[in-house]
Amino acid sequence: MNTSGNMPPVPLADCIDRAIQKIGSYIAWSYVLLVLVIMAQVILRKGFSSGLILLEELQWHLYAVGVMFGLAYAQTTNSHIRVDLFYTGFRARSKYIIEIFGILVLVLPFIGIIFYTAWNSLLMPGASTNILNPLPACHGAG
């Protein structure tokens, strides 16, 4: 969202940012549900010596939703992690260069790896994946 005031508004981008922020504020409550599910799983496992696979799967899904929307929310509210100790003293041009560098060198490769590892699951929905070796082609395994 354009909060700096020195850039012209972009209606479509601002609308998307507002939607992400609204959805993100609701999705944040999924962490409360995540904590409750984890507590139930721990009580079942430690107290009754039987856990539920359903709860373990639910934990992963709730965590994934929270992280995905949390990252988008942090990006739109400009509250993502950076080294503010140095960043606050930089000129606006230097900040823009750092932001572009971070996106190109850190974010885009990360997104590329996620798409690369997910591609086989999309092409072969019935195939099982090995979570310990998500990139078998890189490790010589077939």
C-alpha atoms as a PDB file:
ATOM      1  CA  MET A   1       0.000   0.000   0.000  1.00  0.00           C
ATOM      2  CA  ASN A   2       1.279   3.414  -0.865  1.00  0.00           C
ATOM      3  CA  THR A   3       1.799   5.012   2.546  1.00  0.00           C
ATOM      4  CA  SER A   4       4.842   7.125   1.789  1.00  0.00           C
ATOM      5  CA  GLY A   5       2.877   9.916   0.186  1.00  0.00           C
ATOM      6  CA  ASN A   6       5.577  10.725  -2.369  1.00  0.00           C
ATOM      7  CA  MET A   7       4.393   8.186  -4.944  1.00  0.00           C
ATOM      8  CA  PRO A   8       1.225   8.382  -7.023  1.00  0.00           C
ATOM      9  CA  PRO A   9      -1.577   6.016  -6.001  1.00  0.00           C
ATOM     10  CA  VAL A  10      -2.070   2.814  -7.989  1.00  0.00           C
ATOM     11  CA  PRO A  11      -5.772   1.935  -7.565  1.00  0.00           C
ATOM     12  CA  LEU A  12      -5.519  -1.766  -8.460  1.00  0.00           C
ATOM     13  CA  ALA A  13      -2.463  -2.369  -6.255  1.00  0.00           C
ATOM     14  CA  ASP A  14      -4.003  -0.414  -3.382  1.00  0.00           C
ATOM     15  CA  CYS A  15      -7.223  -2.442  -3.698  1.00  0.00           C
ATOM     16  CA  ILE A  16      -5.261  -5.721  -3.617  1.00  0.00           C
ATOM     17  CA  ASP A  17      -3.260  -4.493  -0.618  1.00  0.00           C
ATOM     18  CA  ARG A  18      -6.437  -3.604   1.282  1.00  0.00           C
ATOM     19  CA  ALA A  19      -7.921  -7.032   0.478  1.00  0.00           C
ATOM     20  CA  ILE A  20      -4.762  -8.801   1.677  1.00  0.00           C
ATOM     21  CA  GLN A  21      -4.761  -6.774   4.885  1.00  0.00           C
ATOM     22  CA  LYS A  22      -8.432  -7.517   5.563  1.00  0.00           C
ATOM     23  CA  ILE A  23      -8.025 -11.241   4.863  1.00  0.00           C
ATOM     24  CA  GLY A  24      -4.783 -11.302   6.871  1.00  0.00           C
ATOM     25  CA  SER A  25      -6.482  -9.839   9.935  1.00  0.00           C
ATOM     26  CA  TYR A  26      -8.988 -12.720   9.853  1.00  0.00           C
ATOM     27  CA  ILE A  27      -6.402 -15.397   9.030  1.00  0.00           C
ATOM     28  CA  ALA A  28      -4.359 -14.302  12.070  1.00  0.00           C
ATOM     29  CA  TRP A  29      -7.015 -16.017  14.188  1.00  0.00           C
ATOM     30  CA  SER A  30      -5.965 -19.331  12.652  1.00  0.00           C
ATOM     31  CA  TYR A  31      -2.997 -19.246  15.028  1.00  0.00           C
ATOM     32  CA  VAL A  32      -5.380 -19.427  17.992  1.00  0.00           C
ATOM     33  CA  LEU A  33      -6.931 -22.521  16.448  1.00  0.00           C
ATOM     34  CA  LEU A  34      -3.427 -23.860  15.712  1.00  0.00           C
ATOM     35  CA  VAL A  35      -2.437 -23.534  19.385  1.00  0.00           C
ATOM     36  CA  LEU A  36      -5.629 -25.315  20.455  1.00  0.00           C
ATOM     37  CA  VAL A  37      -5.025 -28.141  17.985  1.00  0.00           C
ATOM     38  CA  ILE A  38      -1.427 -28.521  19.170  1.00  0.00           C
ATOM     39  CA  MET A  39      -2.568 -28.590  22.794  1.00  0.00           C
ATOM     40  CA  ALA A  40      -5.192 -31.240  22.019  1.00  0.00           C
ATOM     41  CA  GLN A  41      -2.621 -33.342  20.153  1.00  0.00           C
ATOM     42  CA  VAL A  42      -0.124 -33.108  23.026  1.00  0.00           C
ATOM     43  CA  ILE A  43      -2.772 -34.039  25.601  1.00  0.00           C
ATOM     44  CA  LEU A  44      -3.894 -37.002  23.494  1.00  0.00           C
ATOM     45  CA  ARG A  45      -0.340 -38.167  22.852  1.00  0.00           C
ATOM     46  CA  LYS A  46       1.152 -37.668  26.319  1.00  0.00           C
ATOM     47  CA  GLY A  47      -1.957 -38.169  28.453  1.00  0.00           C
ATOM     48  CA  PHE A  48      -3.687 -40.993  26.593  1.00  0.00           C
ATOM     49  CA  SER A  49      -0.813 -42.435  24.510  1.00  0.00           C
ATOM     50  CA  SER A  50      -2.698 -41.982  21.252  1.00  0.00           C
ATOM     51  CA  GLY A  51      -2.481 -39.064  18.877  1.00  0.00           C
ATOM     52  CA  LEU A  52      -4.552 -38.366  15.807  1.00  0.00           C
ATOM     53  CA  ILE A  53      -2.990 -38.087  12.355  1.00  0.00           C
ATOM     54  CA  LEU A  54      -5.877 -35.775  11.472  1.00  0.00           C
ATOM     55  CA  LEU A  55      -4.702 -33.266  14.081  1.00  0.00           C
ATOM     56  CA  GLU A  56      -1.113 -33.452  12.853  1.00  0.00           C
ATOM     57  CA  GLU A  57      -2.247 -32.750   9.293  1.00  0.00           C
ATOM     58  CA  LEU A  58      -4.472 -29.931  10.510  1.00  0.00           C
ATOM     59  CA  GLN A  59      -1.480 -28.396  12.307  1.00  0.00           C
ATOM     60  CA  TRP A  60       0.539 -28.284   9.077  1.00  0.00           C
ATOM     61  CA  HIS A  61      -2.326 -26.818   7.085  1.00  0.00           C
ATOM     62  CA  LEU A  62      -3.113 -24.131   9.664  1.00  0.00           C
ATOM     63  CA  TYR A  63       0.556 -23.234   9.934  1.00  0.00           C
ATOM     64  CA  ALA A  64       0.892 -23.036   6.130  1.00  0.00           C
ATOM     65  CA  VAL A  65      -2.141 -20.767   5.786  1.00  0.00           C
ATOM     66  CA  GLY A  66      -0.872 -18.533   8.588  1.00  0.00           C
ATOM     67  CA  VAL A  67       2.605 -18.242   7.084  1.00  0.00           C
ATOM     68  CA  MET A  68       1.415 -17.580   3.532  1.00  0.00           C
ATOM     69  CA  PHE A  69      -1.053 -14.889   4.499  1.00  0.00           C
ATOM     70  CA  GLY A  70       1.282 -13.555   7.197  1.00  0.00           C
ATOM     71  CA  LEU A  71       4.036 -12.987   4.641  1.00  0.00           C
ATOM     72  CA  ALA A  72       1.647 -11.200   2.292  1.00  0.00           C
ATOM     73  CA  TYR A  73       0.273  -9.114   5.161  1.00  0.00           C
ATOM     74  CA  ALA A  74       3.774  -8.163   6.331  1.00  0.00           C
ATOM     75  CA  GLN A  75       4.737  -7.138   2.801  1.00  0.00           C
ATOM     76  CA  THR A  76       1.675  -4.924   2.322  1.00  0.00           C
ATOM     77  CA  THR A  77       2.043  -3.234   5.718  1.00  0.00           C
ATOM     78  CA  ASN A  78       5.825  -2.860   5.316  1.00  0.00           C
ATOM     79  CA  SER A  79       6.373  -4.739   8.581  1.00  0.00           C
ATOM     80  CA  HIS A  80       8.547  -7.511   7.206  1.00  0.00           C
ATOM     81  CA  ILE A  81      11.930  -8.283   8.729  1.00  0.00           C
ATOM     82  CA  ARG A  82      14.939  -6.188   7.818  1.00  0.00           C
ATOM     83  CA  VAL A  83      17.872  -4.705   9.658  1.00  0.00           C
ATOM     84  CA  ASP A  84      16.294  -1.400  10.668  1.00  0.00           C
ATOM     85  CA  LEU A  85      19.426  -0.353  12.521  1.00  0.00           C
ATOM     86  CA  PHE A  86      21.063   0.457   9.182  1.00  0.00           C
ATOM     87  CA  TYR A  87      17.976   0.796   7.002  1.00  0.00           C
ATOM     88  CA  THR A  88      16.452   3.817   8.766  1.00  0.00           C
ATOM     89  CA  GLY A  89      19.488   5.990   8.037  1.00  0.00           C
ATOM     90  CA  PHE A  90      19.495   5.292   4.294  1.00  0.00           C
ATOM     91  CA  ARG A  91      18.122   7.654   1.668  1.00  0.00           C
ATOM     92  CA  ALA A  92      14.916   6.695  -0.144  1.00  0.00           C
ATOM     93  CA  ARG A  93      16.826   5.688  -3.295  1.00  0.00           C
ATOM     94  CA  SER A  94      19.091   3.347  -1.305  1.00  0.00           C
ATOM     95  CA  LYS A  95      16.034   1.802   0.391  1.00  0.00           C
ATOM     96  CA  TYR A  96      14.427   1.130  -3.003  1.00  0.00           C
ATOM     97  CA  ILE A  97      17.625  -0.495  -4.282  1.00  0.00           C
ATOM     98  CA  ILE A  98      17.813  -2.710  -1.177  1.00  0.00           C
ATOM     99  CA  GLU A  99      14.142  -3.691  -1.572  1.00  0.00           C
ATOM    100  CA  ILE A 100      14.606  -4.612  -5.241  1.00  0.00           C
ATOM    101  CA  PHE A 101      17.804  -6.519  -4.455  1.00  0.00           C
ATOM    102  CA  GLY A 102      16.046  -8.436  -1.672  1.00  0.00           C
ATOM    103  CA  ILE A 103      13.160  -9.371  -3.923  1.00  0.00           C
ATOM    104  CA  LEU A 104      15.393 -10.473  -6.795  1.00  0.00           C
ATOM    105  CA  VAL A 105      18.010 -12.336  -4.755  1.00  0.00           C
ATOM    106  CA  LEU A 106      15.964 -13.703  -1.843  1.00  0.00           C
ATOM    107  CA  VAL A 107      12.239 -13.806  -2.593  1.00  0.00           C
ATOM    108  CA  LEU A 108      12.153 -14.860  -6.250  1.00  0.00           C
ATOM    109  CA  PRO A 109      14.614 -17.768  -5.843  1.00  0.00           C
ATOM    110  CA  PHE A 110      12.616 -18.967  -2.821  1.00  0.00           C
ATOM    111  CA  ILE A 111       9.393 -18.862  -4.834  1.00  0.00           C
ATOM    112  CA  GLY A 112      11.164 -20.683  -7.681  1.00  0.00           C
ATOM    113  CA  ILE A 113      12.260 -23.486  -5.352  1.00  0.00           C
ATOM    114  CA  ILE A 114       8.748 -23.828  -3.962  1.00  0.00           C
ATOM    115  CA  PHE A 115       7.273 -24.064  -7.471  1.00  0.00           C
ATOM    116  CA  TYR A 116       9.972 -26.500  -8.581  1.00  0.00           C
ATOM    117  CA  THR A 117       9.378 -28.847  -5.652  1.00  0.00           C
ATOM    118  CA  ALA A 118       5.588 -28.604  -5.956  1.00  0.00           C
ATOM    119  CA  TRP A 119       5.510 -29.194  -9.695  1.00  0.00           C
ATOM    120  CA  ASN A 120       5.732 -33.008  -9.468  1.00  0.00           C
ATOM    121  CA  SER A 121       2.849 -33.080  -7.008  1.00  0.00           C
ATOM    122  CA  LEU A 122       0.742 -31.069  -9.435  1.00  0.00           C
ATOM    123  CA  LEU A 123       1.591 -33.321 -12.379  1.00  0.00           C
ATOM    124  CA  MET A 124       1.172 -36.586 -10.455  1.00  0.00           C
ATOM    125  CA  PRO A 125      -1.422 -36.041  -7.708  1.00  0.00           C
ATOM    126  CA  GLY A 126      -1.379 -39.713  -6.653  1.00  0.00           C
ATOM    127  CA  ALA A 127       2.397 -39.893  -6.297  1.00  0.00           C
ATOM    128  CA  SER A 128       3.856 -39.818  -2.822  1.00  0.00           C
ATOM    129  CA  THR A 129       6.611 -37.373  -1.961  1.00  0.00           C
ATOM    130  CA  ASN A 130       9.509 -37.883   0.369  1.00  0.00           C
ATOM    131  CA  ILE A 131       9.631 -34.900   2.713  1.00  0.00           C
ATOM    132  CA  LEU A 132      13.250 -35.622   3.636  1.00  0.00           C
ATOM    133  CA  ASN A 133      14.350 -35.560  -0.003  1.00  0.00           C
ATOM    134  CA  PRO A 134      12.114 -33.109  -1.897  1.00  0.00           C
ATOM    135  CA  LEU A 135      14.635 -32.667  -4.724  1.00  0.00           C
ATOM    136  CA  PRO A 136      15.539 -36.237  -5.751  1.00  0.00           C
ATOM    137  CA  ALA A 137      16.971 -35.127  -9.108  1.00  0.00           C
ATOM    138  CA  CYS A 138      19.513 -32.922  -7.325  1.00  0.00           C
ATOM    139  CA  HIS A 139      20.710 -35.754  -5.105  1.00  0.00           C
ATOM    140  CA  GLY A 140      21.032 -38.465  -7.724  1.00  0.00           C
ATOM    141  CA  ALA A 141      18.038 -40.450  -6.490  1.00  0.00           C
ATOM    142  CA  GLY A 142      15.359 -41.381  -8.935  1.00  0.00           C
END
